Amino acid sequence: MQGFRAKTAFHKVASIPPIIQVKIMKEHNLDVFTDDPNERKRVERIIEQEYPVLKTNGAKLWRPTSGTK
C-alpha cells in the first residue's frame, strides 16, 4: 500500500452528499468545490467538526492552531 503526499496530489477525504453541499453553502456561504486554499481549509474544518461521519478515512482533516477559533 502506497501512501499519499498531501501537497502534491489530491486524495479522497470525504463523500459529501448534494444535500450537505447545499447546507454548507447556505449556512457557511462556502462552495465545497472551491480552488481557494483558505476556503478549502474552512471546508475541511466544517467537515471535521460538523460532519465527521462523511470522512472516508480516519485521518484528521483540520487541526486547530493557536490563532484559530
PDB file of N, CA and C in Angstrom:
ATOM      1  N   MET A   1       0.845  -1.182   0.000  1.00  0.00           N
ATOM      2  CA  MET A   1       0.000   0.000   0.000  1.00  0.00           C
ATOM      3  C   MET A   1       0.884   1.236   0.000  1.00  0.00           C
ATOM      4  N   GLN A   2       0.628   2.109  -0.925  1.00  0.00           N
ATOM      5  CA  GLN A   2       1.435   3.305  -1.054  1.00  0.00           C
ATOM      6  C   GLN A   2       0.713   4.485  -0.415  1.00  0.00           C
ATOM      7  N   GLY A   3       1.452   5.318   0.301  1.00  0.00           N
ATOM      8  CA  GLY A   3       0.867   6.498   0.935  1.00  0.00           C
ATOM      9  C   GLY A   3       0.652   7.612  -0.076  1.00  0.00           C
ATOM     10  N   PHE A   4       0.192   8.753   0.408  1.00  0.00           N
ATOM     11  CA  PHE A   4       0.000   9.898  -0.477  1.00  0.00           C
ATOM     12  C   PHE A   4       0.783  11.082   0.054  1.00  0.00           C
ATOM     13  N   ARG A   5       1.068  12.005  -0.836  1.00  0.00           N
ATOM     14  CA  ARG A   5       1.725  13.252  -0.450  1.00  0.00           C
ATOM     15  C   ARG A   5       0.673  14.349  -0.544  1.00  0.00           C
ATOM     16  N   ALA A   6       0.288  14.866   0.586  1.00  0.00           N
ATOM     17  CA  ALA A   6      -0.821  15.819   0.635  1.00  0.00           C
ATOM     18  C   ALA A   6      -0.561  17.078  -0.180  1.00  0.00           C
ATOM     19  N   LYS A   7       0.692  17.485  -0.337  1.00  0.00           N
ATOM     20  CA  LYS A   7       0.967  18.721  -1.049  1.00  0.00           C
ATOM     21  C   LYS A   7       1.078  18.541  -2.553  1.00  0.00           C
ATOM     22  N   THR A   8       1.186  17.324  -3.029  1.00  0.00           N
ATOM     23  CA  THR A   8       1.396  17.128  -4.463  1.00  0.00           C
ATOM     24  C   THR A   8       0.237  16.441  -5.177  1.00  0.00           C
ATOM     25  N   ALA A   9      -0.683  15.855  -4.453  1.00  0.00           N
ATOM     26  CA  ALA A   9      -1.761  15.124  -5.127  1.00  0.00           C
ATOM     27  C   ALA A   9      -3.061  15.251  -4.334  1.00  0.00           C
ATOM     28  N   PHE A  10      -4.145  15.178  -5.052  1.00  0.00           N
ATOM     29  CA  PHE A  10      -5.445  15.150  -4.401  1.00  0.00           C
ATOM     30  C   PHE A  10      -5.760  13.725  -3.988  1.00  0.00           C
ATOM     31  N   HIS A  11      -6.506  13.597  -2.933  1.00  0.00           N
ATOM     32  CA  HIS A  11      -6.961  12.289  -2.494  1.00  0.00           C
ATOM     33  C   HIS A  11      -8.345  12.461  -1.867  1.00  0.00           C
ATOM     34  N   LYS A  12      -9.110  11.428  -1.909  1.00  0.00           N
ATOM     35  CA  LYS A  12     -10.477  11.488  -1.387  1.00  0.00           C
ATOM     36  C   LYS A  12     -10.446  11.479   0.132  1.00  0.00           C
ATOM     37  N   VAL A  13     -11.060  12.486   0.729  1.00  0.00           N
ATOM     38  CA  VAL A  13     -11.099  12.555   2.181  1.00  0.00           C
ATOM     39  C   VAL A  13     -12.515  12.478   2.725  1.00  0.00           C
ATOM     40  N   ALA A  14     -13.511  12.733   1.869  1.00  0.00           N
ATOM     41  CA  ALA A  14     -14.899  12.685   2.330  1.00  0.00           C
ATOM     42  C   ALA A  14     -15.831  12.504   1.137  1.00  0.00           C
ATOM     43  N   SER A  15     -16.967  11.916   1.415  1.00  0.00           N
ATOM     44  CA  SER A  15     -18.053  11.835   0.434  1.00  0.00           C
ATOM     45  C   SER A  15     -19.161  12.742   0.939  1.00  0.00           C
ATOM     46  N   ILE A  16     -19.391  13.836   0.216  1.00  0.00           N
ATOM     47  CA  ILE A  16     -20.351  14.838   0.663  1.00  0.00           C
ATOM     48  C   ILE A  16     -21.590  14.772  -0.229  1.00  0.00           C
ATOM     49  N   PRO A  17     -22.708  14.324   0.310  1.00  0.00           N
ATOM     50  CA  PRO A  17     -23.934  14.259  -0.483  1.00  0.00           C
ATOM     51  C   PRO A  17     -24.391  15.660  -0.896  1.00  0.00           C
ATOM     52  N   PRO A  18     -25.102  15.754  -2.020  1.00  0.00           N
ATOM     53  CA  PRO A  18     -25.557  17.069  -2.502  1.00  0.00           C
ATOM     54  C   PRO A  18     -26.352  17.871  -1.469  1.00  0.00           C
ATOM     55  N   ILE A  19     -27.162  17.223  -0.657  1.00  0.00           N
ATOM     56  CA  ILE A  19     -27.956  17.955   0.334  1.00  0.00           C
ATOM     57  C   ILE A  19     -27.047  18.625   1.371  1.00  0.00           C
ATOM     58  N   ILE A  20     -25.943  17.981   1.723  1.00  0.00           N
ATOM     59  CA  ILE A  20     -24.994  18.570   2.676  1.00  0.00           C
ATOM     60  C   ILE A  20     -24.197  19.683   1.997  1.00  0.00           C
ATOM     61  N   GLN A  21     -23.873  19.524   0.708  1.00  0.00           N
ATOM     62  CA  GLN A  21     -23.199  20.590  -0.041  1.00  0.00           C
ATOM     63  C   GLN A  21     -24.037  21.864  -0.019  1.00  0.00           C
ATOM     64  N   VAL A  22     -25.334  21.715  -0.256  1.00  0.00           N
ATOM     65  CA  VAL A  22     -26.236  22.866  -0.250  1.00  0.00           C
ATOM     66  C   VAL A  22     -26.322  23.462   1.153  1.00  0.00           C
ATOM     67  N   LYS A  23     -26.398  22.617   2.155  1.00  0.00           N
ATOM     68  CA  LYS A  23     -26.476  23.088   3.541  1.00  0.00           C
ATOM     69  C   LYS A  23     -25.228  23.891   3.921  1.00  0.00           C
ATOM     70  N   ILE A  24     -24.047  23.394   3.552  1.00  0.00           N
ATOM     71  CA  ILE A  24     -22.801  24.114   3.832  1.00  0.00           C
ATOM     72  C   ILE A  24     -22.792  25.445   3.077  1.00  0.00           C
ATOM     73  N   MET A  25     -23.257  25.424   1.834  1.00  0.00           N
ATOM     74  CA  MET A  25     -23.284  26.646   1.040  1.00  0.00           C
ATOM     75  C   MET A  25     -24.196  27.695   1.685  1.00  0.00           C
ATOM     76  N   LYS A  26     -25.367  27.278   2.155  1.00  0.00           N
ATOM     77  CA  LYS A  26     -26.318  28.217   2.742  1.00  0.00           C
ATOM     78  C   LYS A  26     -25.894  28.682   4.136  1.00  0.00           C
ATOM     79  N   GLU A  27     -25.479  27.758   4.982  1.00  0.00           N
ATOM     80  CA  GLU A  27     -25.163  28.103   6.367  1.00  0.00           C
ATOM     81  C   GLU A  27     -23.812  28.783   6.527  1.00  0.00           C
ATOM     82  N   HIS A  28     -22.847  28.441   5.664  1.00  0.00           N
ATOM     83  CA  HIS A  28     -21.491  28.967   5.818  1.00  0.00           C
ATOM     84  C   HIS A  28     -21.056  29.850   4.651  1.00  0.00           C
ATOM     85  N   ASN A  29     -21.950  30.033   3.670  1.00  0.00           N
ATOM     86  CA  ASN A  29     -21.634  30.821   2.479  1.00  0.00           C
ATOM     87  C   ASN A  29     -20.317  30.354   1.868  1.00  0.00           C
ATOM     88  N   LEU A  30     -20.241  29.056   1.589  1.00  0.00           N
ATOM     89  CA  LEU A  30     -18.999  28.428   1.182  1.00  0.00           C
ATOM     90  C   LEU A  30     -19.260  27.339   0.152  1.00  0.00           C
ATOM     91  N   ASP A  31     -18.531  27.395  -0.965  1.00  0.00           N
ATOM     92  CA  ASP A  31     -18.635  26.384  -2.014  1.00  0.00           C
ATOM     93  C   ASP A  31     -17.657  25.250  -1.694  1.00  0.00           C
ATOM     94  N   VAL A  32     -18.148  24.026  -1.583  1.00  0.00           N
ATOM     95  CA  VAL A  32     -17.280  22.901  -1.232  1.00  0.00           C
ATOM     96  C   VAL A  32     -16.305  22.535  -2.348  1.00  0.00           C
ATOM     97  N   PHE A  33     -16.507  23.059  -3.559  1.00  0.00           N
ATOM     98  CA  PHE A  33     -15.624  22.766  -4.692  1.00  0.00           C
ATOM     99  C   PHE A  33     -14.662  23.909  -4.996  1.00  0.00           C
ATOM    100  N   THR A  34     -14.433  24.780  -4.058  1.00  0.00           N
ATOM    101  CA  THR A  34     -13.581  25.938  -4.257  1.00  0.00           C
ATOM    102  C   THR A  34     -12.121  25.545  -4.529  1.00  0.00           C
ATOM    103  N   ASP A  35     -11.422  26.400  -5.271  1.00  0.00           N
ATOM    104  CA  ASP A  35      -9.996  26.204  -5.515  1.00  0.00           C
ATOM    105  C   ASP A  35      -9.135  27.017  -4.554  1.00  0.00           C
ATOM    106  N   ASP A  36      -9.747  27.898  -3.794  1.00  0.00           N
ATOM    107  CA  ASP A  36      -9.031  28.755  -2.852  1.00  0.00           C
ATOM    108  C   ASP A  36      -8.554  27.921  -1.656  1.00  0.00           C
ATOM    109  N   PRO A  37      -7.244  27.902  -1.396  1.00  0.00           N
ATOM    110  CA  PRO A  37      -6.726  27.086  -0.283  1.00  0.00           C
ATOM    111  C   PRO A  37      -7.302  27.475   1.076  1.00  0.00           C
ATOM    112  N   ASN A  38      -7.530  28.760   1.306  1.00  0.00           N
ATOM    113  CA  ASN A  38      -8.104  29.185   2.587  1.00  0.00           C
ATOM    114  C   ASN A  38      -9.535  28.697   2.744  1.00  0.00           C
ATOM    115  N   GLU A  39     -10.288  28.743   1.660  1.00  0.00           N
ATOM    116  CA  GLU A  39     -11.668  28.262   1.701  1.00  0.00           C
ATOM    117  C   GLU A  39     -11.703  26.737   1.856  1.00  0.00           C
ATOM    118  N   ARG A  40     -10.750  26.051   1.223  1.00  0.00           N
ATOM    119  CA  ARG A  40     -10.681  24.587   1.372  1.00  0.00           C
ATOM    120  C   ARG A  40     -10.437  24.212   2.828  1.00  0.00           C
ATOM    121  N   LYS A  41      -9.613  24.990   3.516  1.00  0.00           N
ATOM    122  CA  LYS A  41      -9.360  24.726   4.940  1.00  0.00           C
ATOM    123  C   LYS A  41     -10.639  24.917   5.748  1.00  0.00           C
ATOM    124  N   ARG A  42     -11.443  25.907   5.380  1.00  0.00           N
ATOM    125  CA  ARG A  42     -12.736  26.098   6.046  1.00  0.00           C
ATOM    126  C   ARG A  42     -13.641  24.895   5.826  1.00  0.00           C
ATOM    127  N   VAL A  43     -13.669  24.390   4.594  1.00  0.00           N
ATOM    128  CA  VAL A  43     -14.481  23.203   4.291  1.00  0.00           C
ATOM    129  C   VAL A  43     -14.007  22.018   5.131  1.00  0.00           C
ATOM    130  N   GLU A  44     -12.690  21.821   5.197  1.00  0.00           N
ATOM    131  CA  GLU A  44     -12.139  20.715   5.987  1.00  0.00           C
ATOM    132  C   GLU A  44     -12.523  20.843   7.450  1.00  0.00           C
ATOM    133  N   ARG A  45     -12.468  22.064   7.990  1.00  0.00           N
ATOM    134  CA  ARG A  45     -12.818  22.280   9.389  1.00  0.00           C
ATOM    135  C   ARG A  45     -14.293  21.964   9.626  1.00  0.00           C
ATOM    136  N   ILE A  46     -15.148  22.408   8.721  1.00  0.00           N
ATOM    137  CA  ILE A  46     -16.588  22.153   8.849  1.00  0.00           C
ATOM    138  C   ILE A  46     -16.879  20.657   8.808  1.00  0.00           C
ATOM    139  N   ILE A  47     -16.253  19.949   7.879  1.00  0.00           N
ATOM    140  CA  ILE A  47     -16.457  18.502   7.788  1.00  0.00           C
ATOM    141  C   ILE A  47     -15.961  17.822   9.055  1.00  0.00           C
ATOM    142  N   GLU A  48     -14.785  18.194   9.503  1.00  0.00           N
ATOM    143  CA  GLU A  48     -14.190  17.581  10.701  1.00  0.00           C
ATOM    144  C   GLU A  48     -15.066  17.800  11.931  1.00  0.00           C
ATOM    145  N   GLN A  49     -15.601  19.008  12.086  1.00  0.00           N
ATOM    146  CA  GLN A  49     -16.346  19.342  13.296  1.00  0.00           C
ATOM    147  C   GLN A  49     -17.830  18.991  13.223  1.00  0.00           C
ATOM    148  N   GLU A  50     -18.466  19.204  12.068  1.00  0.00           N
ATOM    149  CA  GLU A  50     -19.913  19.040  11.987  1.00  0.00           C
ATOM    150  C   GLU A  50     -20.370  17.758  11.300  1.00  0.00           C
ATOM    151  N   TYR A  51     -19.539  17.207  10.403  1.00  0.00           N
ATOM    152  CA  TYR A  51     -19.935  16.031   9.625  1.00  0.00           C
ATOM    153  C   TYR A  51     -18.829  14.973   9.584  1.00  0.00           C
ATOM    154  N   PRO A  52     -18.281  14.567  10.718  1.00  0.00           N
ATOM    155  CA  PRO A  52     -17.171  13.606  10.680  1.00  0.00           C
ATOM    156  C   PRO A  52     -17.556  12.253  10.090  1.00  0.00           C
ATOM    157  N   VAL A  53     -18.831  11.921  10.094  1.00  0.00           N
ATOM    158  CA  VAL A  53     -19.284  10.642   9.551  1.00  0.00           C
ATOM    159  C   VAL A  53     -19.089  10.583   8.028  1.00  0.00           C
ATOM    160  N   LEU A  54     -18.932  11.722   7.377  1.00  0.00           N
ATOM    161  CA  LEU A  54     -18.738  11.767   5.929  1.00  0.00           C
ATOM    162  C   LEU A  54     -17.303  11.476   5.505  1.00  0.00           C
ATOM    163  N   LYS A  55     -16.375  11.476   6.445  1.00  0.00           N
ATOM    164  CA  LYS A  55     -14.971  11.225   6.115  1.00  0.00           C
ATOM    165  C   LYS A  55     -14.792   9.791   5.622  1.00  0.00           C
ATOM    166  N   THR A  56     -13.879   9.612   4.664  1.00  0.00           N
ATOM    167  CA  THR A  56     -13.640   8.290   4.093  1.00  0.00           C
ATOM    168  C   THR A  56     -12.490   7.554   4.759  1.00  0.00           C
ATOM    169  N   ASN A  57     -11.781   8.219   5.662  1.00  0.00           N
ATOM    170  CA  ASN A  57     -10.733   7.553   6.433  1.00  0.00           C
ATOM    171  C   ASN A  57     -10.611   8.245   7.786  1.00  0.00           C
ATOM    172  N   GLY A  58      -9.780   7.736   8.638  1.00  0.00           N
ATOM    173  CA  GLY A  58      -9.656   8.266   9.993  1.00  0.00           C
ATOM    174  C   GLY A  58      -8.687   9.419  10.148  1.00  0.00           C
ATOM    175  N   ALA A  59      -8.098   9.881   9.065  1.00  0.00           N
ATOM    176  CA  ALA A  59      -7.119  10.964   9.147  1.00  0.00           C
ATOM    177  C   ALA A  59      -7.787  12.277   9.525  1.00  0.00           C
ATOM    178  N   LYS A  60      -7.058  13.101  10.259  1.00  0.00           N
ATOM    179  CA  LYS A  60      -7.547  14.430  10.604  1.00  0.00           C
ATOM    180  C   LYS A  60      -7.495  15.316   9.370  1.00  0.00           C
ATOM    181  N   LEU A  61      -8.561  16.052   9.115  1.00  0.00           N
ATOM    182  CA  LEU A  61      -8.595  16.989   8.002  1.00  0.00           C
ATOM    183  C   LEU A  61      -8.141  18.368   8.444  1.00  0.00           C
ATOM    184  N   TRP A  62      -8.419  18.692   9.687  1.00  0.00           N
ATOM    185  CA  TRP A  62      -8.155  20.029  10.188  1.00  0.00           C
ATOM    186  C   TRP A  62      -7.685  19.925  11.628  1.00  0.00           C
ATOM    187  N   ARG A  63      -6.679  20.689  11.946  1.00  0.00           N
ATOM    188  CA  ARG A  63      -6.179  20.726  13.317  1.00  0.00           C
ATOM    189  C   ARG A  63      -6.183  22.178  13.779  1.00  0.00           C
ATOM    190  N   PRO A  64      -6.749  22.442  14.943  1.00  0.00           N
ATOM    191  CA  PRO A  64      -6.750  23.834  15.415  1.00  0.00           C
ATOM    192  C   PRO A  64      -5.336  24.312  15.684  1.00  0.00           C
ATOM    193  N   THR A  65      -5.112  25.580  15.409  1.00  0.00           N
ATOM    194  CA  THR A  65      -3.831  26.210  15.724  1.00  0.00           C
ATOM    195  C   THR A  65      -4.084  27.267  16.764  1.00  0.00           C
ATOM    196  N   SER A  66      -3.049  27.852  17.296  1.00  0.00           N
ATOM    197  CA  SER A  66      -3.199  28.805  18.387  1.00  0.00           C
ATOM    198  C   SER A  66      -3.998  30.033  17.987  1.00  0.00           C
ATOM    199  N   GLY A  67      -3.979  30.431  16.705  1.00  0.00           N
ATOM    200  CA  GLY A  67      -4.691  31.625  16.273  1.00  0.00           C
ATOM    201  C   GLY A  67      -6.059  31.353  15.688  1.00  0.00           C
ATOM    202  N   THR A  68      -6.537  30.118  15.716  1.00  0.00           N
ATOM    203  CA  THR A  68      -7.798  29.744  15.076  1.00  0.00           C
ATOM    204  C   THR A  68      -8.891  29.565  16.119  1.00  0.00           C
ATOM    205  N   LYS A  69     -10.068  30.085  15.809  1.00  0.00           N
ATOM    206  CA  LYS A  69     -11.211  29.916  16.718  1.00  0.00           C
ATOM    207  C   LYS A  69     -11.886  28.610  16.463  1.00  0.00           C
TER     208      LYS A  69
END
